[in-house]
Amino acid sequence: MTVKYTKDHEWVRVEGDVATIGISNFAQGQLGDVVFVELPEAGRVLAQGKEAAVVESVKAASDVYCPVSGTVIEANQALVDDPSLANSAPEGEGWFFKVTLSDPSQLDALMDEAAYAAFLEESH
């Protein structure tokens, strides 16, 4: 499994042609306690870098951007039912949605775990 990160603090985990997307541990820490998520519906076509979901915390509301283009095949209903999963397991059970990749080469522009860690050190 390949995991990549964006400068907007989303992560994408790829298995075959399916990408699972969520927010990074850093992002959930910045947001604080997540109280609500709005996720895209199955069938929605998302473009790389465009708004895909909304996450609201006790501090603020924030858009979640799609790191890769694709068609939504599933939203995480468990996260809708219990938004705190975004805090307790941001890179596990707290995933946001899954898409079928339309252009796997877009992954090449994203950061791997080491590059993301370096980005966090440089920028925060």
N, C-alpha and C. Protein backbone atom coordinates (compact mmCIF):
# COMPACT_ATOMS: atom_id res chain seq x y z
N MET A 1 0.82 -1.19 0.00
CA MET A 1 0.00 0.00 0.00
C MET A 1 0.87 1.25 0.00
N THR A 2 0.51 2.17 -0.84
CA THR A 2 1.21 3.43 -0.93
C THR A 2 0.40 4.49 -0.19
N VAL A 3 1.05 5.27 0.68
CA VAL A 3 0.38 6.40 1.34
C VAL A 3 1.11 7.67 0.92
N LYS A 4 0.32 8.65 0.48
CA LYS A 4 0.87 9.94 0.06
C LYS A 4 0.12 11.05 0.79
N TYR A 5 0.75 12.22 0.85
CA TYR A 5 0.19 13.36 1.58
C TYR A 5 0.19 14.61 0.71
N THR A 6 -0.72 15.54 1.05
CA THR A 6 -0.78 16.83 0.37
C THR A 6 -0.32 17.93 1.32
N LYS A 7 -0.03 19.09 0.77
CA LYS A 7 0.34 20.24 1.60
C LYS A 7 -0.87 20.77 2.37
N ASP A 8 -2.07 20.35 2.00
CA ASP A 8 -3.29 20.72 2.73
C ASP A 8 -3.61 19.71 3.82
N HIS A 9 -2.73 18.74 4.02
CA HIS A 9 -2.81 17.76 5.12
C HIS A 9 -3.86 16.68 4.92
N GLU A 10 -4.14 16.34 3.65
CA GLU A 10 -4.92 15.14 3.37
C GLU A 10 -3.95 14.01 3.10
N TRP A 11 -4.40 12.79 3.34
CA TRP A 11 -3.61 11.61 2.97
C TRP A 11 -4.43 10.77 2.01
N VAL A 12 -3.73 9.98 1.23
CA VAL A 12 -4.37 9.06 0.30
C VAL A 12 -3.62 7.73 0.36
N ARG A 13 -4.36 6.67 0.58
CA ARG A 13 -3.80 5.32 0.62
C ARG A 13 -4.36 4.56 -0.58
N VAL A 14 -3.46 4.03 -1.40
CA VAL A 14 -3.89 3.40 -2.65
C VAL A 14 -3.71 1.88 -2.59
N GLU A 15 -4.78 1.19 -2.97
CA GLU A 15 -4.76 -0.26 -3.13
C GLU A 15 -5.38 -0.55 -4.49
N GLY A 16 -4.55 -0.98 -5.44
CA GLY A 16 -5.04 -1.20 -6.80
C GLY A 16 -5.43 0.13 -7.41
N ASP A 17 -6.70 0.25 -7.86
CA ASP A 17 -7.15 1.52 -8.44
C ASP A 17 -8.09 2.26 -7.49
N VAL A 18 -8.10 1.86 -6.20
CA VAL A 18 -8.95 2.51 -5.21
C VAL A 18 -8.09 3.32 -4.25
N ALA A 19 -8.48 4.59 -4.07
CA ALA A 19 -7.77 5.48 -3.15
C ALA A 19 -8.68 5.80 -1.97
N THR A 20 -8.19 5.56 -0.76
CA THR A 20 -8.89 5.94 0.46
C THR A 20 -8.29 7.25 0.92
N ILE A 21 -9.14 8.21 1.30
CA ILE A 21 -8.69 9.57 1.59
C ILE A 21 -9.18 10.01 2.96
N GLY A 22 -8.32 10.73 3.66
CA GLY A 22 -8.67 11.29 4.96
C GLY A 22 -7.78 12.46 5.28
N ILE A 23 -7.85 12.91 6.54
CA ILE A 23 -6.99 14.01 6.98
C ILE A 23 -5.86 13.45 7.85
N SER A 24 -4.74 14.12 7.83
CA SER A 24 -3.57 13.64 8.58
C SER A 24 -3.73 13.86 10.08
N ASN A 25 -2.87 13.18 10.82
CA ASN A 25 -2.85 13.35 12.27
C ASN A 25 -2.55 14.81 12.62
N PHE A 26 -1.66 15.45 11.86
CA PHE A 26 -1.37 16.87 12.09
C PHE A 26 -2.64 17.71 11.93
N ALA A 27 -3.39 17.44 10.86
CA ALA A 27 -4.61 18.22 10.59
C ALA A 27 -5.62 18.08 11.71
N GLN A 28 -5.86 16.86 12.18
CA GLN A 28 -6.84 16.70 13.24
C GLN A 28 -6.39 17.41 14.52
N GLY A 29 -5.08 17.43 14.76
CA GLY A 29 -4.57 18.13 15.93
C GLY A 29 -4.79 19.64 15.84
N GLN A 30 -4.65 20.17 14.63
CA GLN A 30 -4.88 21.60 14.41
C GLN A 30 -6.36 21.95 14.53
N LEU A 31 -7.23 21.04 14.09
CA LEU A 31 -8.67 21.29 14.13
C LEU A 31 -9.24 21.24 15.54
N GLY A 32 -8.71 20.36 16.35
CA GLY A 32 -9.32 20.13 17.66
C GLY A 32 -10.43 19.10 17.52
N ASP A 33 -11.30 19.04 18.49
CA ASP A 33 -12.35 18.02 18.51
C ASP A 33 -13.30 18.17 17.33
N VAL A 34 -13.32 17.15 16.48
CA VAL A 34 -14.20 17.15 15.31
C VAL A 34 -15.61 16.79 15.76
N VAL A 35 -16.60 17.61 15.35
CA VAL A 35 -17.98 17.40 15.78
C VAL A 35 -18.93 17.08 14.63
N PHE A 36 -18.48 17.29 13.38
CA PHE A 36 -19.37 17.05 12.23
C PHE A 36 -18.52 16.88 10.98
N VAL A 37 -18.93 15.96 10.12
CA VAL A 37 -18.31 15.83 8.80
C VAL A 37 -19.41 15.74 7.75
N GLU A 38 -19.14 16.33 6.60
CA GLU A 38 -20.02 16.22 5.44
C GLU A 38 -19.19 15.57 4.35
N LEU A 39 -19.61 14.39 3.93
CA LEU A 39 -18.82 13.59 2.98
C LEU A 39 -19.51 13.53 1.62
N PRO A 40 -18.74 13.32 0.56
CA PRO A 40 -19.33 13.24 -0.78
C PRO A 40 -20.11 11.94 -0.97
N GLU A 41 -21.13 12.00 -1.79
CA GLU A 41 -21.95 10.82 -2.07
C GLU A 41 -21.31 9.95 -3.13
N ALA A 42 -21.60 8.65 -3.06
CA ALA A 42 -21.12 7.71 -4.08
C ALA A 42 -21.59 8.17 -5.45
N GLY A 43 -20.70 8.07 -6.43
CA GLY A 43 -21.02 8.47 -7.80
C GLY A 43 -20.53 9.86 -8.14
N ARG A 44 -20.23 10.67 -7.12
CA ARG A 44 -19.75 12.02 -7.39
C ARG A 44 -18.34 11.96 -7.98
N VAL A 45 -18.10 12.73 -9.02
CA VAL A 45 -16.79 12.80 -9.65
C VAL A 45 -16.04 13.98 -9.03
N LEU A 46 -14.85 13.68 -8.52
CA LEU A 46 -14.05 14.70 -7.86
C LEU A 46 -12.79 14.98 -8.67
N ALA A 47 -12.40 16.25 -8.69
CA ALA A 47 -11.17 16.65 -9.39
C ALA A 47 -10.07 16.90 -8.37
N GLN A 48 -8.87 16.59 -8.75
CA GLN A 48 -7.72 16.80 -7.88
C GLN A 48 -7.65 18.25 -7.41
N GLY A 49 -7.47 18.44 -6.10
CA GLY A 49 -7.32 19.77 -5.54
C GLY A 49 -8.60 20.52 -5.30
N LYS A 50 -9.74 19.93 -5.62
CA LYS A 50 -11.02 20.60 -5.43
C LYS A 50 -11.69 20.12 -4.15
N GLU A 51 -12.62 20.94 -3.64
CA GLU A 51 -13.34 20.60 -2.41
C GLU A 51 -14.07 19.28 -2.57
N ALA A 52 -13.96 18.44 -1.54
CA ALA A 52 -14.61 17.13 -1.58
C ALA A 52 -15.47 16.88 -0.36
N ALA A 53 -15.08 17.45 0.78
CA ALA A 53 -15.78 17.20 2.04
C ALA A 53 -15.60 18.41 2.94
N VAL A 54 -16.36 18.41 4.03
CA VAL A 54 -16.24 19.47 5.04
C VAL A 54 -16.09 18.80 6.39
N VAL A 55 -15.20 19.35 7.20
CA VAL A 55 -15.03 18.87 8.56
C VAL A 55 -15.18 20.08 9.49
N GLU A 56 -16.01 19.89 10.53
CA GLU A 56 -16.22 20.97 11.50
C GLU A 56 -15.74 20.50 12.86
N SER A 57 -15.02 21.41 13.52
CA SER A 57 -14.55 21.12 14.86
C SER A 57 -15.05 22.21 15.80
N VAL A 58 -14.68 22.07 17.06
CA VAL A 58 -15.06 23.09 18.02
C VAL A 58 -14.36 24.42 17.71
N LYS A 59 -13.27 24.37 16.95
CA LYS A 59 -12.51 25.57 16.61
C LYS A 59 -12.97 26.21 15.31
N ALA A 60 -13.23 25.40 14.26
CA ALA A 60 -13.48 25.95 12.93
C ALA A 60 -14.05 24.89 12.00
N ALA A 61 -14.54 25.37 10.85
CA ALA A 61 -14.93 24.47 9.76
C ALA A 61 -13.83 24.55 8.71
N SER A 62 -13.58 23.43 8.05
CA SER A 62 -12.51 23.40 7.07
C SER A 62 -12.92 22.50 5.91
N ASP A 63 -12.50 22.88 4.71
CA ASP A 63 -12.73 22.04 3.55
C ASP A 63 -11.67 20.95 3.49
N VAL A 64 -12.07 19.81 2.97
CA VAL A 64 -11.14 18.71 2.69
C VAL A 64 -11.07 18.62 1.16
N TYR A 65 -9.86 18.66 0.63
CA TYR A 65 -9.65 18.64 -0.81
C TYR A 65 -9.28 17.24 -1.27
N CYS A 66 -9.70 16.91 -2.46
CA CYS A 66 -9.39 15.58 -3.00
C CYS A 66 -7.97 15.59 -3.56
N PRO A 67 -7.08 14.72 -3.04
CA PRO A 67 -5.70 14.72 -3.50
C PRO A 67 -5.51 14.16 -4.91
N VAL A 68 -6.50 13.41 -5.39
CA VAL A 68 -6.44 12.79 -6.72
C VAL A 68 -7.83 12.83 -7.35
N SER A 69 -7.88 12.86 -8.64
CA SER A 69 -9.17 12.82 -9.34
C SER A 69 -9.74 11.41 -9.32
N GLY A 70 -11.06 11.33 -9.21
CA GLY A 70 -11.70 10.02 -9.23
C GLY A 70 -13.18 10.11 -8.94
N THR A 71 -13.82 8.95 -8.97
CA THR A 71 -15.25 8.85 -8.70
C THR A 71 -15.45 8.21 -7.33
N VAL A 72 -16.25 8.87 -6.50
CA VAL A 72 -16.50 8.37 -5.15
C VAL A 72 -17.22 7.03 -5.22
N ILE A 73 -16.68 6.04 -4.51
CA ILE A 73 -17.35 4.74 -4.44
C ILE A 73 -17.89 4.45 -3.05
N GLU A 74 -17.40 5.19 -2.04
CA GLU A 74 -17.89 4.96 -0.68
C GLU A 74 -17.50 6.13 0.21
N ALA A 75 -18.43 6.51 1.10
CA ALA A 75 -18.14 7.46 2.17
C ALA A 75 -18.15 6.68 3.47
N ASN A 76 -17.39 7.14 4.44
CA ASN A 76 -17.26 6.43 5.71
C ASN A 76 -18.43 6.76 6.62
N GLN A 77 -19.44 5.91 6.60
CA GLN A 77 -20.64 6.14 7.42
C GLN A 77 -20.31 6.12 8.90
N ALA A 78 -19.33 5.32 9.31
CA ALA A 78 -18.93 5.28 10.72
C ALA A 78 -18.42 6.65 11.18
N LEU A 79 -17.74 7.37 10.28
CA LEU A 79 -17.24 8.71 10.61
C LEU A 79 -18.39 9.70 10.72
N VAL A 80 -19.40 9.57 9.86
CA VAL A 80 -20.58 10.44 9.94
C VAL A 80 -21.28 10.21 11.29
N ASP A 81 -21.41 8.93 11.67
CA ASP A 81 -22.08 8.59 12.93
C ASP A 81 -21.26 9.01 14.15
N ASP A 82 -19.93 8.97 14.04
CA ASP A 82 -19.04 9.30 15.15
C ASP A 82 -17.86 10.12 14.63
N PRO A 83 -18.06 11.45 14.46
CA PRO A 83 -17.02 12.30 13.89
C PRO A 83 -15.71 12.30 14.69
N SER A 84 -15.77 11.89 15.95
CA SER A 84 -14.54 11.88 16.76
C SER A 84 -13.52 10.87 16.25
N LEU A 85 -13.94 9.95 15.37
CA LEU A 85 -12.98 9.03 14.74
C LEU A 85 -11.90 9.80 13.97
N ALA A 86 -12.25 10.98 13.47
CA ALA A 86 -11.26 11.80 12.77
C ALA A 86 -10.14 12.22 13.70
N ASN A 87 -10.43 12.30 15.00
CA ASN A 87 -9.41 12.63 16.00
C ASN A 87 -8.69 11.39 16.53
N SER A 88 -9.47 10.36 16.84
CA SER A 88 -8.88 9.18 17.50
C SER A 88 -8.15 8.25 16.54
N ALA A 89 -8.56 8.23 15.27
CA ALA A 89 -7.92 7.35 14.29
C ALA A 89 -7.90 8.02 12.91
N PRO A 90 -7.23 9.20 12.80
CA PRO A 90 -7.30 9.98 11.56
C PRO A 90 -6.76 9.26 10.33
N GLU A 91 -5.79 8.39 10.52
CA GLU A 91 -5.20 7.70 9.37
C GLU A 91 -5.57 6.22 9.38
N GLY A 92 -6.67 5.91 10.07
CA GLY A 92 -7.18 4.54 10.14
C GLY A 92 -8.69 4.54 9.98
N GLU A 93 -9.41 4.19 11.05
CA GLU A 93 -10.87 4.11 11.00
C GLU A 93 -11.54 5.44 10.68
N GLY A 94 -10.82 6.55 10.84
CA GLY A 94 -11.37 7.87 10.60
C GLY A 94 -11.22 8.37 9.17
N TRP A 95 -11.02 7.44 8.22
CA TRP A 95 -10.94 7.83 6.81
C TRP A 95 -12.24 8.50 6.37
N PHE A 96 -12.19 9.30 5.32
CA PHE A 96 -13.34 10.08 4.87
C PHE A 96 -14.11 9.42 3.73
N PHE A 97 -13.42 9.11 2.64
CA PHE A 97 -14.10 8.53 1.48
C PHE A 97 -13.12 7.78 0.61
N LYS A 98 -13.67 6.98 -0.31
CA LYS A 98 -12.87 6.22 -1.26
C LYS A 98 -13.28 6.59 -2.68
N VAL A 99 -12.28 6.66 -3.55
CA VAL A 99 -12.54 6.95 -4.97
C VAL A 99 -11.84 5.91 -5.83
N THR A 100 -12.39 5.71 -7.02
CA THR A 100 -11.69 4.97 -8.05
C THR A 100 -10.84 5.97 -8.80
N LEU A 101 -9.54 5.74 -8.84
CA LEU A 101 -8.62 6.67 -9.47
C LEU A 101 -8.90 6.84 -10.96
N SER A 102 -8.92 8.09 -11.42
CA SER A 102 -9.07 8.30 -12.86
C SER A 102 -7.72 8.59 -13.51
N ASP A 103 -6.72 9.01 -12.72
CA ASP A 103 -5.39 9.30 -13.26
C ASP A 103 -4.34 8.99 -12.18
N PRO A 104 -3.90 7.72 -12.10
CA PRO A 104 -2.94 7.33 -11.06
C PRO A 104 -1.64 8.12 -11.09
N SER A 105 -1.29 8.72 -12.21
CA SER A 105 -0.03 9.48 -12.28
C SER A 105 -0.09 10.72 -11.38
N GLN A 106 -1.29 11.16 -10.98
CA GLN A 106 -1.40 12.31 -10.08
C GLN A 106 -0.73 12.03 -8.73
N LEU A 107 -0.61 10.77 -8.37
CA LEU A 107 0.03 10.40 -7.11
C LEU A 107 1.49 10.83 -7.08
N ASP A 108 2.11 10.90 -8.24
CA ASP A 108 3.53 11.24 -8.32
C ASP A 108 3.85 12.62 -7.76
N ALA A 109 2.88 13.53 -7.80
CA ALA A 109 3.10 14.90 -7.32
C ALA A 109 2.90 15.04 -5.82
N LEU A 110 2.43 13.98 -5.15
CA LEU A 110 2.18 14.05 -3.72
C LEU A 110 3.41 13.61 -2.93
N MET A 111 3.43 13.94 -1.65
CA MET A 111 4.57 13.64 -0.79
C MET A 111 4.44 12.26 -0.15
N ASP A 112 5.57 11.56 -0.04
CA ASP A 112 5.56 10.33 0.74
C ASP A 112 5.68 10.71 2.23
N GLU A 113 5.67 9.72 3.10
CA GLU A 113 5.66 10.00 4.54
C GLU A 113 6.87 10.82 4.98
N ALA A 114 8.05 10.50 4.48
CA ALA A 114 9.27 11.22 4.86
C ALA A 114 9.22 12.67 4.38
N ALA A 115 8.77 12.88 3.16
CA ALA A 115 8.69 14.24 2.61
C ALA A 115 7.64 15.05 3.37
N TYR A 116 6.53 14.41 3.76
CA TYR A 116 5.49 15.11 4.53
C TYR A 116 6.03 15.50 5.90
N ALA A 117 6.76 14.61 6.55
CA ALA A 117 7.34 14.92 7.86
C ALA A 117 8.30 16.10 7.74
N ALA A 118 9.11 16.14 6.68
CA ALA A 118 10.02 17.25 6.45
C ALA A 118 9.25 18.54 6.19
N PHE A 119 8.16 18.44 5.41
CA PHE A 119 7.31 19.60 5.14
C PHE A 119 6.74 20.17 6.45
N LEU A 120 6.28 19.31 7.34
CA LEU A 120 5.74 19.76 8.62
C LEU A 120 6.80 20.47 9.45
N GLU A 121 8.01 19.92 9.47
CA GLU A 121 9.10 20.53 10.23
C GLU A 121 9.44 21.91 9.68
N GLU A 122 9.45 22.03 8.36
CA GLU A 122 9.81 23.30 7.72
C GLU A 122 8.73 24.36 7.89
N SER A 123 7.48 23.95 7.85
CA SER A 123 6.40 24.93 7.78
C SER A 123 5.70 25.20 9.11
N HIS A 124 5.97 24.38 10.12
CA HIS A 124 5.24 24.58 11.38
C HIS A 124 6.16 24.58 12.56
